[in-house]
Amino acid sequence: MAYDQFRGRMIAPQTCAEALDNSEFTIHRWIREGKVKAVKLSSRCTRIDGDSLADFLCSRVFTPGAKEEQPEPLKRSTAKRTKHTAIELAGQA
């Protein structure tokens, strides 16, 4: 899905919610969490930065078959470990 339609625009949260088929609450949560930049013009008028919205939505796109790099497996130490009984350990103290 191309999100370039949002670039260069200031969008009302209600319009954004309808276009993305999300709730308006979700859009306001994204703003609150700092995922999307917005400007509050008055107590009842908020506008979302379209570039910020497009960048956020593009970062969430899943590409099937793409693999993320996995961390290196944990390496075990090569030193030999000896098992001691509780009696042996008590005698060393």
PDB file of N, CA and C in Angstrom:
ATOM      1  N   MET A   1       0.841  -1.170   0.000  1.00  0.00           N
ATOM      2  CA  MET A   1       0.000   0.000   0.000  1.00  0.00           C
ATOM      3  C   MET A   1       0.889   1.237   0.000  1.00  0.00           C
ATOM      4  N   ALA A   2       0.595   2.174  -0.849  1.00  0.00           N
ATOM      5  CA  ALA A   2       1.388   3.392  -0.951  1.00  0.00           C
ATOM      6  C   ALA A   2       0.847   4.438   0.018  1.00  0.00           C
ATOM      7  N   TYR A   3       1.706   4.923   0.853  1.00  0.00           N
ATOM      8  CA  TYR A   3       1.301   5.927   1.825  1.00  0.00           C
ATOM      9  C   TYR A   3       1.734   7.321   1.391  1.00  0.00           C
ATOM     10  N   ASP A   4       2.163   7.470   0.146  1.00  0.00           N
ATOM     11  CA  ASP A   4       2.593   8.768  -0.360  1.00  0.00           C
ATOM     12  C   ASP A   4       1.438   9.755  -0.465  1.00  0.00           C
ATOM     13  N   GLN A   5       0.215   9.273  -0.429  1.00  0.00           N
ATOM     14  CA  GLN A   5      -0.945  10.154  -0.497  1.00  0.00           C
ATOM     15  C   GLN A   5      -1.020  11.084   0.713  1.00  0.00           C
ATOM     16  N   PHE A   6      -0.346  10.710   1.813  1.00  0.00           N
ATOM     17  CA  PHE A   6      -0.371  11.521   3.024  1.00  0.00           C
ATOM     18  C   PHE A   6       0.736  12.571   3.050  1.00  0.00           C
ATOM     19  N   ARG A   7       1.754  12.396   2.237  1.00  0.00           N
ATOM     20  CA  ARG A   7       2.924  13.290   2.286  1.00  0.00           C
ATOM     21  C   ARG A   7       2.560  14.718   1.885  1.00  0.00           C
ATOM     22  N   GLY A   8       3.121  15.675   2.623  1.00  0.00           N
ATOM     23  CA  GLY A   8       2.921  17.086   2.308  1.00  0.00           C
ATOM     24  C   GLY A   8       1.560  17.625   2.719  1.00  0.00           C
ATOM     25  N   ARG A   9       0.841  16.891   3.538  1.00  0.00           N
ATOM     26  CA  ARG A   9      -0.490  17.334   3.955  1.00  0.00           C
ATOM     27  C   ARG A   9      -0.567  17.391   5.475  1.00  0.00           C
ATOM     28  N   MET A  10      -1.522  18.140   5.951  1.00  0.00           N
ATOM     29  CA  MET A  10      -1.874  18.141   7.369  1.00  0.00           C
ATOM     30  C   MET A  10      -3.262  17.513   7.439  1.00  0.00           C
ATOM     31  N   ILE A  11      -3.396  16.447   8.210  1.00  0.00           N
ATOM     32  CA  ILE A  11      -4.595  15.627   8.174  1.00  0.00           C
ATOM     33  C   ILE A  11      -5.285  15.628   9.540  1.00  0.00           C
ATOM     34  N   ALA A  12      -6.592  15.719   9.530  1.00  0.00           N
ATOM     35  CA  ALA A  12      -7.375  15.621  10.762  1.00  0.00           C
ATOM     36  C   ALA A  12      -7.364  14.170  11.237  1.00  0.00           C
ATOM     37  N   PRO A  13      -7.338  13.944  12.536  1.00  0.00           N
ATOM     38  CA  PRO A  13      -7.331  12.571  13.053  1.00  0.00           C
ATOM     39  C   PRO A  13      -8.521  11.733  12.566  1.00  0.00           C
ATOM     40  N   GLN A  14      -9.679  12.348  12.454  1.00  0.00           N
ATOM     41  CA  GLN A  14     -10.861  11.614  11.989  1.00  0.00           C
ATOM     42  C   GLN A  14     -10.685  11.173  10.537  1.00  0.00           C
ATOM     43  N   THR A  15     -10.170  12.042   9.698  1.00  0.00           N
ATOM     44  CA  THR A  15      -9.914  11.702   8.298  1.00  0.00           C
ATOM     45  C   THR A  15      -8.866  10.601   8.190  1.00  0.00           C
ATOM     46  N   CYS A  16      -7.839  10.698   9.008  1.00  0.00           N
ATOM     47  CA  CYS A  16      -6.772   9.695   9.036  1.00  0.00           C
ATOM     48  C   CYS A  16      -7.328   8.340   9.445  1.00  0.00           C
ATOM     49  N   ALA A  17      -8.170   8.322  10.474  1.00  0.00           N
ATOM     50  CA  ALA A  17      -8.755   7.078  10.960  1.00  0.00           C
ATOM     51  C   ALA A  17      -9.618   6.425   9.880  1.00  0.00           C
ATOM     52  N   GLU A  18     -10.391   7.218   9.177  1.00  0.00           N
ATOM     53  CA  GLU A  18     -11.240   6.674   8.110  1.00  0.00           C
ATOM     54  C   GLU A  18     -10.405   6.125   6.962  1.00  0.00           C
ATOM     55  N   ALA A  19      -9.345   6.838   6.596  1.00  0.00           N
ATOM     56  CA  ALA A  19      -8.503   6.414   5.474  1.00  0.00           C
ATOM     57  C   ALA A  19      -7.749   5.129   5.792  1.00  0.00           C
ATOM     58  N   LEU A  20      -7.374   4.944   7.054  1.00  0.00           N
ATOM     59  CA  LEU A  20      -6.591   3.770   7.451  1.00  0.00           C
ATOM     60  C   LEU A  20      -7.453   2.655   8.023  1.00  0.00           C
ATOM     61  N   ASP A  21      -8.744   2.898   8.129  1.00  0.00           N
ATOM     62  CA  ASP A  21      -9.677   1.922   8.692  1.00  0.00           C
ATOM     63  C   ASP A  21      -9.275   1.553  10.121  1.00  0.00           C
ATOM     64  N   ASN A  22      -8.933   2.582  10.897  1.00  0.00           N
ATOM     65  CA  ASN A  22      -8.597   2.455  12.313  1.00  0.00           C
ATOM     66  C   ASN A  22      -9.552   3.319  13.109  1.00  0.00           C
ATOM     67  N   SER A  23      -9.494   3.181  14.405  1.00  0.00           N
ATOM     68  CA  SER A  23     -10.314   4.049  15.246  1.00  0.00           C
ATOM     69  C   SER A  23      -9.576   5.370  15.471  1.00  0.00           C
ATOM     70  N   GLU A  24     -10.349   6.387  15.788  1.00  0.00           N
ATOM     71  CA  GLU A  24      -9.750   7.684  16.079  1.00  0.00           C
ATOM     72  C   GLU A  24      -8.921   7.602  17.365  1.00  0.00           C
ATOM     73  N   PHE A  25      -9.331   6.746  18.296  1.00  0.00           N
ATOM     74  CA  PHE A  25      -8.578   6.536  19.528  1.00  0.00           C
ATOM     75  C   PHE A  25      -7.172   6.037  19.225  1.00  0.00           C
ATOM     76  N   THR A  26      -7.040   5.121  18.265  1.00  0.00           N
ATOM     77  CA  THR A  26      -5.726   4.597  17.880  1.00  0.00           C
ATOM     78  C   THR A  26      -4.839   5.704  17.331  1.00  0.00           C
ATOM     79  N   ILE A  27      -5.403   6.560  16.513  1.00  0.00           N
ATOM     80  CA  ILE A  27      -4.635   7.676  15.935  1.00  0.00           C
ATOM     81  C   ILE A  27      -4.140   8.600  17.050  1.00  0.00           C
ATOM     82  N   HIS A  28      -5.012   8.917  17.999  1.00  0.00           N
ATOM     83  CA  HIS A  28      -4.603   9.779  19.119  1.00  0.00           C
ATOM     84  C   HIS A  28      -3.566   9.085  20.000  1.00  0.00           C
ATOM     85  N   ARG A  29      -3.648   7.768  20.120  1.00  0.00           N
ATOM     86  CA  ARG A  29      -2.634   7.017  20.885  1.00  0.00           C
ATOM     87  C   ARG A  29      -1.275   7.107  20.192  1.00  0.00           C
ATOM     88  N   TRP A  30      -1.257   6.985  18.862  1.00  0.00           N
ATOM     89  CA  TRP A  30       0.006   7.126  18.118  1.00  0.00           C
ATOM     90  C   TRP A  30       0.614   8.498  18.353  1.00  0.00           C
ATOM     91  N   ILE A  31      -0.230   9.520  18.402  1.00  0.00           N
ATOM     92  CA  ILE A  31       0.256  10.887  18.647  1.00  0.00           C
ATOM     93  C   ILE A  31       0.821  10.980  20.059  1.00  0.00           C
ATOM     94  N   ARG A  32       0.077  10.470  21.041  1.00  0.00           N
ATOM     95  CA  ARG A  32       0.503  10.515  22.445  1.00  0.00           C
ATOM     96  C   ARG A  32       1.817   9.788  22.661  1.00  0.00           C
ATOM     97  N   GLU A  33       1.997   8.642  21.981  1.00  0.00           N
ATOM     98  CA  GLU A  33       3.213   7.845  22.147  1.00  0.00           C
ATOM     99  C   GLU A  33       4.382   8.393  21.337  1.00  0.00           C
ATOM    100  N   GLY A  34       4.159   9.430  20.542  1.00  0.00           N
ATOM    101  CA  GLY A  34       5.227  10.051  19.767  1.00  0.00           C
ATOM    102  C   GLY A  34       5.550   9.322  18.480  1.00  0.00           C
ATOM    103  N   LYS A  35       4.716   8.392  18.063  1.00  0.00           N
ATOM    104  CA  LYS A  35       4.957   7.659  16.822  1.00  0.00           C
ATOM    105  C   LYS A  35       4.638   8.517  15.600  1.00  0.00           C
ATOM    106  N   VAL A  36       3.699   9.436  15.776  1.00  0.00           N
ATOM    107  CA  VAL A  36       3.270  10.333  14.698  1.00  0.00           C
ATOM    108  C   VAL A  36       3.299  11.755  15.244  1.00  0.00           C
ATOM    109  N   LYS A  37       3.825  12.678  14.462  1.00  0.00           N
ATOM    110  CA  LYS A  37       3.881  14.077  14.884  1.00  0.00           C
ATOM    111  C   LYS A  37       2.555  14.760  14.554  1.00  0.00           C
ATOM    112  N   ALA A  38       2.124  15.625  15.456  1.00  0.00           N
ATOM    113  CA  ALA A  38       0.884  16.357  15.249  1.00  0.00           C
ATOM    114  C   ALA A  38       1.000  17.745  15.858  1.00  0.00           C
ATOM    115  N   VAL A  39       0.124  18.622  15.410  1.00  0.00           N
ATOM    116  CA  VAL A  39       0.081  19.992  15.908  1.00  0.00           C
ATOM    117  C   VAL A  39      -1.318  20.241  16.443  1.00  0.00           C
ATOM    118  N   LYS A  40      -1.399  20.778  17.644  1.00  0.00           N
ATOM    119  CA  LYS A  40      -2.688  21.122  18.220  1.00  0.00           C
ATOM    120  C   LYS A  40      -2.928  22.602  17.952  1.00  0.00           C
ATOM    121  N   LEU A  41      -3.881  22.895  17.067  1.00  0.00           N
ATOM    122  CA  LEU A  41      -4.148  24.267  16.668  1.00  0.00           C
ATOM    123  C   LEU A  41      -5.053  24.986  17.659  1.00  0.00           C
ATOM    124  N   SER A  42      -5.941  24.261  18.287  1.00  0.00           N
ATOM    125  CA  SER A  42      -6.786  24.808  19.342  1.00  0.00           C
ATOM    126  C   SER A  42      -7.205  23.650  20.238  1.00  0.00           C
ATOM    127  N   SER A  43      -8.094  23.912  21.170  1.00  0.00           N
ATOM    128  CA  SER A  43      -8.498  22.850  22.094  1.00  0.00           C
ATOM    129  C   SER A  43      -9.254  21.727  21.388  1.00  0.00           C
ATOM    130  N   ARG A  44      -9.849  22.006  20.234  1.00  0.00           N
ATOM    131  CA  ARG A  44     -10.624  20.985  19.528  1.00  0.00           C
ATOM    132  C   ARG A  44     -10.137  20.735  18.108  1.00  0.00           C
ATOM    133  N   CYS A  45      -8.939  21.208  17.793  1.00  0.00           N
ATOM    134  CA  CYS A  45      -8.448  21.079  16.422  1.00  0.00           C
ATOM    135  C   CYS A  45      -7.004  20.578  16.411  1.00  0.00           C
ATOM    136  N   THR A  46      -6.817  19.332  15.965  1.00  0.00           N
ATOM    137  CA  THR A  46      -5.492  18.722  15.866  1.00  0.00           C
ATOM    138  C   THR A  46      -5.253  18.325  14.422  1.00  0.00           C
ATOM    139  N   ARG A  47      -4.023  18.519  13.952  1.00  0.00           N
ATOM    140  CA  ARG A  47      -3.670  18.112  12.597  1.00  0.00           C
ATOM    141  C   ARG A  47      -2.405  17.272  12.655  1.00  0.00           C
ATOM    142  N   ILE A  48      -2.420  16.186  11.900  1.00  0.00           N
ATOM    143  CA  ILE A  48      -1.304  15.244  11.859  1.00  0.00           C
ATOM    144  C   ILE A  48      -0.413  15.578  10.678  1.00  0.00           C
ATOM    145  N   ASP A  49       0.895  15.546  10.908  1.00  0.00           N
ATOM    146  CA  ASP A  49       1.863  15.768   9.837  1.00  0.00           C
ATOM    147  C   ASP A  49       1.855  14.542   8.918  1.00  0.00           C
ATOM    148  N   GLY A  50       1.521  14.739   7.656  1.00  0.00           N
ATOM    149  CA  GLY A  50       1.399  13.638   6.706  1.00  0.00           C
ATOM    150  C   GLY A  50       2.705  12.912   6.456  1.00  0.00           C
ATOM    151  N   ASP A  51       3.819  13.634   6.444  1.00  0.00           N
ATOM    152  CA  ASP A  51       5.126  12.994   6.235  1.00  0.00           C
ATOM    153  C   ASP A  51       5.457  12.054   7.391  1.00  0.00           C
ATOM    154  N   SER A  52       5.184  12.509   8.607  1.00  0.00           N
ATOM    155  CA  SER A  52       5.431  11.680   9.779  1.00  0.00           C
ATOM    156  C   SER A  52       4.550  10.436   9.760  1.00  0.00           C
ATOM    157  N   LEU A  53       3.299  10.608   9.379  1.00  0.00           N
ATOM    158  CA  LEU A  53       2.373   9.474   9.303  1.00  0.00           C
ATOM    159  C   LEU A  53       2.827   8.471   8.253  1.00  0.00           C
ATOM    160  N   ALA A  54       3.228   8.957   7.078  1.00  0.00           N
ATOM    161  CA  ALA A  54       3.681   8.064   6.007  1.00  0.00           C
ATOM    162  C   ALA A  54       4.939   7.303   6.423  1.00  0.00           C
ATOM    163  N   ASP A  55       5.877   7.986   7.073  1.00  0.00           N
ATOM    164  CA  ASP A  55       7.098   7.319   7.542  1.00  0.00           C
ATOM    165  C   ASP A  55       6.771   6.232   8.565  1.00  0.00           C
ATOM    166  N   PHE A  56       5.864   6.544   9.496  1.00  0.00           N
ATOM    167  CA  PHE A  56       5.487   5.569  10.516  1.00  0.00           C
ATOM    168  C   PHE A  56       4.818   4.354   9.885  1.00  0.00           C
ATOM    169  N   LEU A  57       3.924   4.576   8.954  1.00  0.00           N
ATOM    170  CA  LEU A  57       3.215   3.465   8.325  1.00  0.00           C
ATOM    171  C   LEU A  57       4.147   2.616   7.464  1.00  0.00           C
ATOM    172  N   CYS A  58       5.093   3.247   6.783  1.00  0.00           N
ATOM    173  CA  CYS A  58       6.059   2.498   5.962  1.00  0.00           C
ATOM    174  C   CYS A  58       6.979   1.648   6.838  1.00  0.00           C
ATOM    175  N   SER A  59       7.278   2.112   8.033  1.00  0.00           N
ATOM    176  CA  SER A  59       8.150   1.340   8.923  1.00  0.00           C
ATOM    177  C   SER A  59       7.459   0.094   9.458  1.00  0.00           C
ATOM    178  N   ARG A  60       6.144   0.063   9.397  1.00  0.00           N
ATOM    179  CA  ARG A  60       5.387  -1.077   9.914  1.00  0.00           C
ATOM    180  C   ARG A  60       5.045  -2.103   8.842  1.00  0.00           C
ATOM    181  N   VAL A  61       5.446  -1.867   7.602  1.00  0.00           N
ATOM    182  CA  VAL A  61       5.100  -2.774   6.511  1.00  0.00           C
ATOM    183  C   VAL A  61       5.892  -4.067   6.641  1.00  0.00           C
ATOM    184  N   PHE A  62       5.204  -5.186   6.518  1.00  0.00           N
ATOM    185  CA  PHE A  62       5.830  -6.501   6.610  1.00  0.00           C
ATOM    186  C   PHE A  62       6.081  -7.022   5.202  1.00  0.00           C
ATOM    187  N   THR A  63       7.297  -7.454   4.941  1.00  0.00           N
ATOM    188  CA  THR A  63       7.642  -8.030   3.650  1.00  0.00           C
ATOM    189  C   THR A  63       7.761  -9.540   3.812  1.00  0.00           C
ATOM    190  N   PRO A  64       6.845 -10.309   3.189  1.00  0.00           N
ATOM    191  CA  PRO A  64       6.923 -11.762   3.329  1.00  0.00           C
ATOM    192  C   PRO A  64       8.236 -12.298   2.769  1.00  0.00           C
ATOM    193  N   GLY A  65       8.818 -13.231   3.466  1.00  0.00           N
ATOM    194  CA  GLY A  65      10.057 -13.854   3.022  1.00  0.00           C
ATOM    195  C   GLY A  65      11.307 -13.134   3.466  1.00  0.00           C
ATOM    196  N   ALA A  66      11.180 -11.897   3.920  1.00  0.00           N
ATOM    197  CA  ALA A  66      12.354 -11.156   4.375  1.00  0.00           C
ATOM    198  C   ALA A  66      12.716 -11.632   5.771  1.00  0.00           C
ATOM    199  N   LYS A  67      13.972 -11.953   5.971  1.00  0.00           N
ATOM    200  CA  LYS A  67      14.415 -12.442   7.272  1.00  0.00           C
ATOM    201  C   LYS A  67      15.273 -11.391   7.948  1.00  0.00           C
ATOM    202  N   GLU A  68      15.003 -11.210   9.204  1.00  0.00           N
ATOM    203  CA  GLU A  68      15.815 -10.291   9.986  1.00  0.00           C
ATOM    204  C   GLU A  68      17.043 -11.034  10.485  1.00  0.00           C
ATOM    205  N   GLU A  69      18.105 -10.284  10.705  1.00  0.00           N
ATOM    206  CA  GLU A  69      19.313 -10.901  11.225  1.00  0.00           C
ATOM    207  C   GLU A  69      19.063 -11.379  12.640  1.00  0.00           C
ATOM    208  N   GLN A  70      19.494 -12.581  12.912  1.00  0.00           N
ATOM    209  CA  GLN A  70      19.340 -13.146  14.236  1.00  0.00           C
ATOM    210  C   GLN A  70      20.634 -12.940  15.008  1.00  0.00           C
ATOM    211  N   PRO A  71      20.541 -12.774  16.332  1.00  0.00           N
ATOM    212  CA  PRO A  71      21.768 -12.620  17.115  1.00  0.00           C
ATOM    213  C   PRO A  71      22.572 -13.904  17.091  1.00  0.00           C
ATOM    214  N   GLU A  72      23.877 -13.767  17.308  1.00  0.00           N
ATOM    215  CA  GLU A  72      24.739 -14.940  17.326  1.00  0.00           C
ATOM    216  C   GLU A  72      24.312 -15.865  18.458  1.00  0.00           C
ATOM    217  N   PRO A  73      24.395 -17.167  18.228  1.00  0.00           N
ATOM    218  CA  PRO A  73      24.011 -18.086  19.300  1.00  0.00           C
ATOM    219  C   PRO A  73      24.956 -17.947  20.489  1.00  0.00           C
ATOM    220  N   LEU A  74      24.430 -18.235  21.651  1.00  0.00           N
ATOM    221  CA  LEU A  74      25.257 -18.149  22.853  1.00  0.00           C
ATOM    222  C   LEU A  74      26.351 -19.201  22.800  1.00  0.00           C
ATOM    223  N   LYS A  75      27.536 -18.791  23.122  1.00  0.00           N
ATOM    224  CA  LYS A  75      28.661 -19.719  23.084  1.00  0.00           C
ATOM    225  C   LYS A  75      28.872 -20.284  24.472  1.00  0.00           C
ATOM    226  N   ARG A  76      29.107 -21.573  24.518  1.00  0.00           N
ATOM    227  CA  ARG A  76      29.407 -22.217  25.794  1.00  0.00           C
ATOM    228  C   ARG A  76      30.905 -22.140  26.044  1.00  0.00           C
ATOM    229  N   SER A  77      31.235 -22.010  27.280  1.00  0.00           N
ATOM    230  CA  SER A  77      32.666 -21.953  27.571  1.00  0.00           C
ATOM    231  C   SER A  77      33.258 -23.351  27.364  1.00  0.00           C
ATOM    232  N   THR A  78      34.486 -23.374  26.887  1.00  0.00           N
ATOM    233  CA  THR A  78      35.140 -24.649  26.588  1.00  0.00           C
ATOM    234  C   THR A  78      35.855 -25.230  27.803  1.00  0.00           C
ATOM    235  N   ALA A  79      35.905 -24.480  28.902  1.00  0.00           N
ATOM    236  CA  ALA A  79      36.583 -24.975  30.106  1.00  0.00           C
ATOM    237  C   ALA A  79      35.793 -26.150  30.684  1.00  0.00           C
ATOM    238  N   LYS A  80      36.556 -27.165  31.142  1.00  0.00           N
ATOM    239  CA  LYS A  80      35.900 -28.331  31.730  1.00  0.00           C
ATOM    240  C   LYS A  80      35.356 -27.971  33.097  1.00  0.00           C
ATOM    241  N   ARG A  81      34.163 -28.397  33.312  1.00  0.00           N
ATOM    242  CA  ARG A  81      33.556 -28.170  34.610  1.00  0.00           C
ATOM    243  C   ARG A  81      33.563 -29.473  35.377  1.00  0.00           C
ATOM    244  N   THR A  82      33.982 -29.380  36.616  1.00  0.00           N
ATOM    245  CA  THR A  82      33.991 -30.577  37.449  1.00  0.00           C
ATOM    246  C   THR A  82      32.852 -30.465  38.451  1.00  0.00           C
ATOM    247  N   LYS A  83      32.221 -31.573  38.686  1.00  0.00           N
ATOM    248  CA  LYS A  83      31.112 -31.596  39.632  1.00  0.00           C
ATOM    249  C   LYS A  83      31.658 -31.954  41.009  1.00  0.00           C
ATOM    250  N   HIS A  84      31.239 -31.198  41.987  1.00  0.00           N
ATOM    251  CA  HIS A  84      31.650 -31.437  43.365  1.00  0.00           C
ATOM    252  C   HIS A  84      30.417 -31.758  44.186  1.00  0.00           C
ATOM    253  N   THR A  85      30.610 -32.625  45.141  1.00  0.00           N
ATOM    254  CA  THR A  85      29.517 -32.925  46.055  1.00  0.00           C
ATOM    255  C   THR A  85      29.504 -31.889  47.168  1.00  0.00           C
ATOM    256  N   ALA A  86      28.408 -31.809  47.857  1.00  0.00           N
ATOM    257  CA  ALA A  86      28.273 -30.847  48.937  1.00  0.00           C
ATOM    258  C   ALA A  86      29.313 -31.084  50.028  1.00  0.00           C
ATOM    259  N   ILE A  87      29.658 -32.349  50.259  1.00  0.00           N
ATOM    260  CA  ILE A  87      30.653 -32.661  51.294  1.00  0.00           C
ATOM    261  C   ILE A  87      32.021 -32.139  50.894  1.00  0.00           C
ATOM    262  N   GLU A  88      32.374 -32.308  49.617  1.00  0.00           N
ATOM    263  CA  GLU A  88      33.674 -31.808  49.150  1.00  0.00           C
ATOM    264  C   GLU A  88      33.732 -30.295  49.257  1.00  0.00           C
ATOM    265  N   LEU A  89      32.647 -29.610  48.873  1.00  0.00           N
ATOM    266  CA  LEU A  89      32.623 -28.160  48.939  1.00  0.00           C
ATOM    267  C   LEU A  89      32.677 -27.680  50.383  1.00  0.00           C
ATOM    268  N   ALA A  90      32.050 -28.402  51.303  1.00  0.00           N
ATOM    269  CA  ALA A  90      32.062 -28.011  52.713  1.00  0.00           C
ATOM    270  C   ALA A  90      33.474 -28.140  53.301  1.00  0.00           C
ATOM    271  N   GLY A  91      34.219 -29.136  52.812  1.00  0.00           N
ATOM    272  CA  GLY A  91      35.578 -29.326  53.315  1.00  0.00           C
ATOM    273  C   GLY A  91      36.526 -28.247  52.820  1.00  0.00           C
ATOM    274  N   GLN A  92      36.193 -27.583  51.723  1.00  0.00           N
ATOM    275  CA  GLN A  92      37.053 -26.540  51.183  1.00  0.00           C
ATOM    276  C   GLN A  92      36.866 -25.212  51.903  1.00  0.00           C
ATOM    277  N   ALA A  93      35.777 -25.061  52.596  1.00  0.00           N
ATOM    278  CA  ALA A  93      35.481 -23.780  53.243  1.00  0.00           C
ATOM    279  C   ALA A  93      36.293 -23.535  54.451  1.00  0.00           C
TER     280      ALA A  93
END
